[in-house]
Amino acid sequence: RNNAPSINGTQSFDQYISVRNPKHNPG
């Protein structure tokens, strides 16, 4: 994310994302 709002104001920062497979279905 470049020049985006964060907990420290507008900053550039990385996002780490782990996504479950298979995902749990909503409900």
PDB file of all heavy atoms in Angstrom:
ATOM      1  N   ARG A   1       0.854  -1.179   0.000  1.00  0.00           N
ATOM      2  CA  ARG A   1       0.000   0.000   0.000  1.00  0.00           C
ATOM      3  C   ARG A   1       0.894   1.235   0.000  1.00  0.00           C
ATOM      4  O   ARG A   1       1.803   1.352   0.826  1.00  0.00           O
ATOM      5  CB  ARG A   1      -0.891   0.032   1.250  1.00  0.00           C
ATOM      6  CG  ARG A   1      -1.875  -1.105   1.362  1.00  0.00           C
ATOM      7  CD  ARG A   1      -2.926  -1.144   0.270  1.00  0.00           C
ATOM      8  NE  ARG A   1      -3.613   0.119   0.095  1.00  0.00           N
ATOM      9  CZ  ARG A   1      -4.630   0.550   0.839  1.00  0.00           C
ATOM     10  NH1 ARG A   1      -5.062  -0.198   1.850  1.00  0.00           N
ATOM     11  NH2 ARG A   1      -5.208   1.695   0.609  1.00  0.00           N
ATOM     12  N   ASN A   2       0.649   2.133  -0.920  1.00  0.00           N
ATOM     13  CA  ASN A   2       1.450   3.348  -1.048  1.00  0.00           C
ATOM     14  C   ASN A   2       0.635   4.568  -0.646  1.00  0.00           C
ATOM     15  O   ASN A   2      -0.484   4.771  -1.133  1.00  0.00           O
ATOM     16  CB  ASN A   2       1.956   3.509  -2.481  1.00  0.00           C
ATOM     17  CG  ASN A   2       2.951   2.440  -2.859  1.00  0.00           C
ATOM     18  OD1 ASN A   2       3.913   2.198  -2.135  1.00  0.00           O
ATOM     19  ND2 ASN A   2       2.725   1.764  -3.972  1.00  0.00           N
ATOM     20  N   ASN A   3       1.194   5.363   0.272  1.00  0.00           N
ATOM     21  CA  ASN A   3       0.552   6.600   0.728  1.00  0.00           C
ATOM     22  C   ASN A   3      -0.902   6.355   1.126  1.00  0.00           C
ATOM     23  O   ASN A   3      -1.823   7.017   0.660  1.00  0.00           O
ATOM     24  CB  ASN A   3       0.637   7.669  -0.355  1.00  0.00           C
ATOM     25  CG  ASN A   3       2.065   8.027  -0.694  1.00  0.00           C
ATOM     26  OD1 ASN A   3       2.915   8.161   0.188  1.00  0.00           O
ATOM     27  ND2 ASN A   3       2.363   8.166  -1.979  1.00  0.00           N
ATOM     28  N   ALA A   4      -1.077   5.386   2.005  1.00  0.00           N
ATOM     29  CA  ALA A   4      -2.408   4.992   2.465  1.00  0.00           C
ATOM     30  C   ALA A   4      -2.541   5.255   3.958  1.00  0.00           C
ATOM     31  O   ALA A   4      -1.550   5.276   4.693  1.00  0.00           O
ATOM     32  CB  ALA A   4      -2.643   3.513   2.166  1.00  0.00           C
ATOM     33  N   PRO A   5      -3.760   5.460   4.460  1.00  0.00           N
ATOM     34  CA  PRO A   5      -3.959   5.638   5.892  1.00  0.00           C
ATOM     35  C   PRO A   5      -3.515   4.399   6.670  1.00  0.00           C
ATOM     36  O   PRO A   5      -3.697   3.268   6.213  1.00  0.00           O
ATOM     37  CB  PRO A   5      -5.469   5.861   6.016  1.00  0.00           C
ATOM     38  CG  PRO A   5      -5.900   6.333   4.671  1.00  0.00           C
ATOM     39  CD  PRO A   5      -5.013   5.629   3.700  1.00  0.00           C
ATOM     40  N   SER A   6      -2.945   4.614   7.833  1.00  0.00           N
ATOM     41  CA  SER A   6      -2.487   3.518   8.678  1.00  0.00           C
ATOM     42  C   SER A   6      -2.636   3.919  10.131  1.00  0.00           C
ATOM     43  O   SER A   6      -3.090   5.027  10.440  1.00  0.00           O
ATOM     44  CB  SER A   6      -1.024   3.189   8.369  1.00  0.00           C
ATOM     45  OG  SER A   6      -0.160   4.133   8.998  1.00  0.00           O
ATOM     46  N   ILE A   7      -2.195   3.063  11.050  1.00  0.00           N
ATOM     47  CA  ILE A   7      -2.228   3.427  12.463  1.00  0.00           C
ATOM     48  C   ILE A   7      -1.225   4.528  12.785  1.00  0.00           C
ATOM     49  O   ILE A   7      -1.297   5.133  13.852  1.00  0.00           O
ATOM     50  CB  ILE A   7      -1.977   2.205  13.367  1.00  0.00           C
ATOM     51  CG1 ILE A   7      -0.637   1.548  13.044  1.00  0.00           C
ATOM     52  CG2 ILE A   7      -3.127   1.217  13.272  1.00  0.00           C
ATOM     53  CD1 ILE A   7      -0.223   0.486  14.046  1.00  0.00           C
ATOM     54  N   ASN A   8      -0.299   4.792  11.858  1.00  0.00           N
ATOM     55  CA  ASN A   8       0.667   5.883  12.026  1.00  0.00           C
ATOM     56  C   ASN A   8       0.467   6.983  10.989  1.00  0.00           C
ATOM     57  O   ASN A   8       1.437   7.560  10.489  1.00  0.00           O
ATOM     58  CB  ASN A   8       2.105   5.345  11.932  1.00  0.00           C
ATOM     59  CG  ASN A   8       2.536   4.605  13.181  1.00  0.00           C
ATOM     60  OD1 ASN A   8       1.909   4.737  14.227  1.00  0.00           O
ATOM     61  ND2 ASN A   8       3.591   3.830  13.077  1.00  0.00           N
ATOM     62  N   GLY A   9      -0.779   7.248  10.641  1.00  0.00           N
ATOM     63  CA  GLY A   9      -1.055   8.275   9.649  1.00  0.00           C
ATOM     64  C   GLY A   9      -0.848   7.744   8.236  1.00  0.00           C
ATOM     65  O   GLY A   9      -0.744   6.540   8.007  1.00  0.00           O
ATOM     66  N   THR A  10      -0.761   8.650   7.275  1.00  0.00           N
ATOM     67  CA  THR A  10      -0.586   8.251   5.878  1.00  0.00           C
ATOM     68  C   THR A  10       0.841   7.763   5.665  1.00  0.00           C
ATOM     69  O   THR A  10       1.801   8.505   5.876  1.00  0.00           O
ATOM     70  CB  THR A  10      -0.885   9.427   4.940  1.00  0.00           C
ATOM     71  OG1 THR A  10      -2.243   9.848   5.134  1.00  0.00           O
ATOM     72  CG2 THR A  10      -0.698   9.017   3.488  1.00  0.00           C
ATOM     73  N   GLN A  11       0.957   6.505   5.254  1.00  0.00           N
ATOM     74  CA  GLN A  11       2.258   5.856   5.108  1.00  0.00           C
ATOM     75  C   GLN A  11       2.208   4.886   3.927  1.00  0.00           C
ATOM     76  O   GLN A  11       1.136   4.526   3.444  1.00  0.00           O
ATOM     77  CB  GLN A  11       2.613   5.062   6.370  1.00  0.00           C
ATOM     78  CG  GLN A  11       2.723   5.868   7.639  1.00  0.00           C
ATOM     79  CD  GLN A  11       4.084   6.510   7.801  1.00  0.00           C
ATOM     80  OE1 GLN A  11       5.048   6.137   7.151  1.00  0.00           O
ATOM     81  NE2 GLN A  11       4.163   7.477   8.700  1.00  0.00           N
ATOM     82  N   SER A  12       3.385   4.418   3.509  1.00  0.00           N
ATOM     83  CA  SER A  12       3.487   3.272   2.617  1.00  0.00           C
ATOM     84  C   SER A  12       3.918   2.078   3.455  1.00  0.00           C
ATOM     85  O   SER A  12       4.801   2.196   4.306  1.00  0.00           O
ATOM     86  CB  SER A  12       4.499   3.537   1.498  1.00  0.00           C
ATOM     87  OG  SER A  12       4.053   4.592   0.659  1.00  0.00           O
ATOM     88  N   PHE A  13       3.292   0.922   3.232  1.00  0.00           N
ATOM     89  CA  PHE A  13       3.557  -0.235   4.080  1.00  0.00           C
ATOM     90  C   PHE A  13       3.171  -1.511   3.341  1.00  0.00           C
ATOM     91  O   PHE A  13       2.439  -1.500   2.347  1.00  0.00           O
ATOM     92  CB  PHE A  13       2.770  -0.138   5.394  1.00  0.00           C
ATOM     93  CG  PHE A  13       1.290   0.074   5.221  1.00  0.00           C
ATOM     94  CD1 PHE A  13       0.415  -0.990   5.105  1.00  0.00           C
ATOM     95  CD2 PHE A  13       0.768   1.370   5.187  1.00  0.00           C
ATOM     96  CE1 PHE A  13      -0.942  -0.789   4.936  1.00  0.00           C
ATOM     97  CE2 PHE A  13      -0.597   1.594   5.026  1.00  0.00           C
ATOM     98  CZ  PHE A  13      -1.455   0.504   4.894  1.00  0.00           C
ATOM     99  N   ASP A  14       3.674  -2.642   3.853  1.00  0.00           N
ATOM    100  CA  ASP A  14       3.343  -3.955   3.303  1.00  0.00           C
ATOM    101  C   ASP A  14       2.143  -4.549   4.020  1.00  0.00           C
ATOM    102  O   ASP A  14       1.909  -4.282   5.207  1.00  0.00           O
ATOM    103  CB  ASP A  14       4.524  -4.918   3.451  1.00  0.00           C
ATOM    104  CG  ASP A  14       5.661  -4.602   2.497  1.00  0.00           C
ATOM    105  OD1 ASP A  14       5.402  -4.053   1.406  1.00  0.00           O
ATOM    106  OD2 ASP A  14       6.822  -4.907   2.847  1.00  0.00           O
ATOM    107  N   GLN A  15       1.395  -5.380   3.292  1.00  0.00           N
ATOM    108  CA  GLN A  15       0.348  -6.225   3.854  1.00  0.00           C
ATOM    109  C   GLN A  15       0.783  -7.678   3.682  1.00  0.00           C
ATOM    110  O   GLN A  15       1.213  -8.076   2.602  1.00  0.00           O
ATOM    111  CB  GLN A  15      -0.984  -6.024   3.137  1.00  0.00           C
ATOM    112  CG  GLN A  15      -1.606  -4.656   3.297  1.00  0.00           C
ATOM    113  CD  GLN A  15      -2.853  -4.523   2.428  1.00  0.00           C
ATOM    114  OE1 GLN A  15      -2.865  -4.947   1.275  1.00  0.00           O
ATOM    115  NE2 GLN A  15      -3.894  -3.924   2.976  1.00  0.00           N
ATOM    116  N   TYR A  16       0.676  -8.471   4.746  1.00  0.00           N
ATOM    117  CA  TYR A  16       0.889  -9.914   4.668  1.00  0.00           C
ATOM    118  C   TYR A  16      -0.478 -10.573   4.775  1.00  0.00           C
ATOM    119  O   TYR A  16      -1.226 -10.315   5.730  1.00  0.00           O
ATOM    120  CB  TYR A  16       1.768 -10.414   5.806  1.00  0.00           C
ATOM    121  CG  TYR A  16       3.121  -9.761   5.940  1.00  0.00           C
ATOM    122  CD1 TYR A  16       3.833  -9.860   7.136  1.00  0.00           C
ATOM    123  CD2 TYR A  16       3.708  -9.036   4.890  1.00  0.00           C
ATOM    124  CE1 TYR A  16       5.074  -9.274   7.294  1.00  0.00           C
ATOM    125  CE2 TYR A  16       4.953  -8.443   5.033  1.00  0.00           C
ATOM    126  CZ  TYR A  16       5.631  -8.566   6.245  1.00  0.00           C
ATOM    127  OH  TYR A  16       6.863  -7.974   6.399  1.00  0.00           O
ATOM    128  N   ILE A  17      -0.796 -11.449   3.824  1.00  0.00           N
ATOM    129  CA  ILE A  17      -2.135 -12.019   3.745  1.00  0.00           C
ATOM    130  C   ILE A  17      -2.044 -13.534   3.588  1.00  0.00           C
ATOM    131  O   ILE A  17      -1.455 -14.027   2.630  1.00  0.00           O
ATOM    132  CB  ILE A  17      -2.922 -11.427   2.556  1.00  0.00           C
ATOM    133  CG1 ILE A  17      -2.946  -9.895   2.630  1.00  0.00           C
ATOM    134  CG2 ILE A  17      -4.337 -11.984   2.529  1.00  0.00           C
ATOM    135  CD1 ILE A  17      -3.438  -9.238   1.365  1.00  0.00           C
ATOM    136  N   SER A  18      -2.608 -14.267   4.551  1.00  0.00           N
ATOM    137  CA  SER A  18      -2.775 -15.715   4.442  1.00  0.00           C
ATOM    138  C   SER A  18      -4.252 -15.998   4.225  1.00  0.00           C
ATOM    139  O   SER A  18      -5.097 -15.512   4.996  1.00  0.00           O
ATOM    140  CB  SER A  18      -2.318 -16.429   5.717  1.00  0.00           C
ATOM    141  OG  SER A  18      -0.940 -16.320   5.950  1.00  0.00           O
ATOM    142  N   VAL A  19      -4.583 -16.777   3.193  1.00  0.00           N
ATOM    143  CA  VAL A  19      -5.985 -17.061   2.882  1.00  0.00           C
ATOM    144  C   VAL A  19      -6.231 -18.563   2.967  1.00  0.00           C
ATOM    145  O   VAL A  19      -5.571 -19.356   2.281  1.00  0.00           O
ATOM    146  CB  VAL A  19      -6.368 -16.550   1.481  1.00  0.00           C
ATOM    147  CG1 VAL A  19      -7.834 -16.854   1.184  1.00  0.00           C
ATOM    148  CG2 VAL A  19      -6.107 -15.063   1.373  1.00  0.00           C
ATOM    149  N   ARG A  20      -7.179 -18.944   3.811  1.00  0.00           N
ATOM    150  CA  ARG A  20      -7.486 -20.361   4.026  1.00  0.00           C
ATOM    151  C   ARG A  20      -8.057 -21.006   2.766  1.00  0.00           C
ATOM    152  O   ARG A  20      -8.905 -20.427   2.084  1.00  0.00           O
ATOM    153  CB  ARG A  20      -8.490 -20.502   5.175  1.00  0.00           C
ATOM    154  CG  ARG A  20      -8.650 -21.915   5.704  1.00  0.00           C
ATOM    155  CD  ARG A  20      -9.694 -21.951   6.821  1.00  0.00           C
ATOM    156  NE  ARG A  20      -9.641 -23.171   7.588  1.00  0.00           N
ATOM    157  CZ  ARG A  20     -10.228 -24.322   7.239  1.00  0.00           C
ATOM    158  NH1 ARG A  20     -10.925 -24.380   6.119  1.00  0.00           N
ATOM    159  NH2 ARG A  20     -10.118 -25.386   8.018  1.00  0.00           N
ATOM    160  N   ASN A  21      -7.580 -22.227   2.470  1.00  0.00           N
ATOM    161  CA  ASN A  21      -8.077 -23.000   1.333  1.00  0.00           C
ATOM    162  C   ASN A  21      -8.254 -24.460   1.767  1.00  0.00           C
ATOM    163  O   ASN A  21      -7.265 -25.122   2.068  1.00  0.00           O
ATOM    164  CB  ASN A  21      -7.098 -22.893   0.165  1.00  0.00           C
ATOM    165  CG  ASN A  21      -7.602 -23.612  -1.076  1.00  0.00           C
ATOM    166  OD1 ASN A  21      -8.803 -23.819  -1.209  1.00  0.00           O
ATOM    167  ND2 ASN A  21      -6.695 -24.024  -1.935  1.00  0.00           N
ATOM    168  N   PRO A  22      -9.492 -24.960   1.866  1.00  0.00           N
ATOM    169  CA  PRO A  22     -10.699 -24.251   1.457  1.00  0.00           C
ATOM    170  C   PRO A  22     -11.137 -23.236   2.513  1.00  0.00           C
ATOM    171  O   PRO A  22     -10.929 -23.464   3.713  1.00  0.00           O
ATOM    172  CB  PRO A  22     -11.733 -25.365   1.326  1.00  0.00           C
ATOM    173  CG  PRO A  22     -11.285 -26.380   2.340  1.00  0.00           C
ATOM    174  CD  PRO A  22      -9.784 -26.333   2.319  1.00  0.00           C
ATOM    175  N   LYS A  23     -11.728 -22.163   2.052  1.00  0.00           N
ATOM    176  CA  LYS A  23     -12.258 -21.182   2.992  1.00  0.00           C
ATOM    177  C   LYS A  23     -13.455 -21.778   3.714  1.00  0.00           C
ATOM    178  O   LYS A  23     -14.124 -22.699   3.217  1.00  0.00           O
ATOM    179  CB  LYS A  23     -12.683 -19.917   2.256  1.00  0.00           C
ATOM    180  CG  LYS A  23     -13.906 -20.109   1.347  1.00  0.00           C
ATOM    181  CD  LYS A  23     -14.291 -18.830   0.633  1.00  0.00           C
ATOM    182  CE  LYS A  23     -15.516 -19.040  -0.257  1.00  0.00           C
ATOM    183  NZ  LYS A  23     -15.905 -17.812  -0.977  1.00  0.00           N
ATOM    184  N   HIS A  24     -13.723 -21.281   4.925  1.00  0.00           N
ATOM    185  CA  HIS A  24     -14.985 -21.607   5.590  1.00  0.00           C
ATOM    186  C   HIS A  24     -16.109 -20.876   4.864  1.00  0.00           C
ATOM    187  O   HIS A  24     -15.991 -19.678   4.570  1.00  0.00           O
ATOM    188  CB  HIS A  24     -14.957 -21.166   7.050  1.00  0.00           C
ATOM    189  CG  HIS A  24     -14.085 -22.008   7.925  1.00  0.00           C
ATOM    190  ND1 HIS A  24     -14.242 -23.371   8.055  1.00  0.00           N
ATOM    191  CD2 HIS A  24     -13.040 -21.679   8.735  1.00  0.00           C
ATOM    192  CE1 HIS A  24     -13.351 -23.845   8.901  1.00  0.00           C
ATOM    193  NE2 HIS A  24     -12.598 -22.845   9.328  1.00  0.00           N
ATOM    194  N   ASN A  25     -17.173 -21.580   4.570  1.00  0.00           N
ATOM    195  CA  ASN A  25     -18.294 -20.933   3.906  1.00  0.00           C
ATOM    196  C   ASN A  25     -19.011 -19.985   4.858  1.00  0.00           C
ATOM    197  O   ASN A  25     -19.128 -20.276   6.051  1.00  0.00           O
ATOM    198  CB  ASN A  25     -19.285 -21.973   3.383  1.00  0.00           C
ATOM    199  CG  ASN A  25     -18.739 -22.755   2.214  1.00  0.00           C
ATOM    200  OD1 ASN A  25     -18.022 -22.209   1.387  1.00  0.00           O
ATOM    201  ND2 ASN A  25     -19.067 -24.035   2.144  1.00  0.00           N
ATOM    202  N   PRO A  26     -19.478 -18.850   4.361  1.00  0.00           N
ATOM    203  CA  PRO A  26     -20.283 -17.964   5.203  1.00  0.00           C
ATOM    204  C   PRO A  26     -21.507 -18.682   5.734  1.00  0.00           C
ATOM    205  O   PRO A  26     -21.971 -19.674   5.174  1.00  0.00           O
ATOM    206  CB  PRO A  26     -20.668 -16.832   4.233  1.00  0.00           C
ATOM    207  CG  PRO A  26     -19.585 -16.846   3.194  1.00  0.00           C
ATOM    208  CD  PRO A  26     -19.241 -18.298   3.013  1.00  0.00           C
ATOM    209  N   GLY A  27     -22.032 -18.186   6.824  1.00  0.00           N
ATOM    210  CA  GLY A  27     -23.151 -18.809   7.517  1.00  0.00           C
ATOM    211  C   GLY A  27     -22.709 -19.138   8.929  1.00  0.00           C
ATOM    212  O   GLY A  27     -21.906 -18.427   9.520  1.00  0.00           O
TER     213      GLY A  27
END
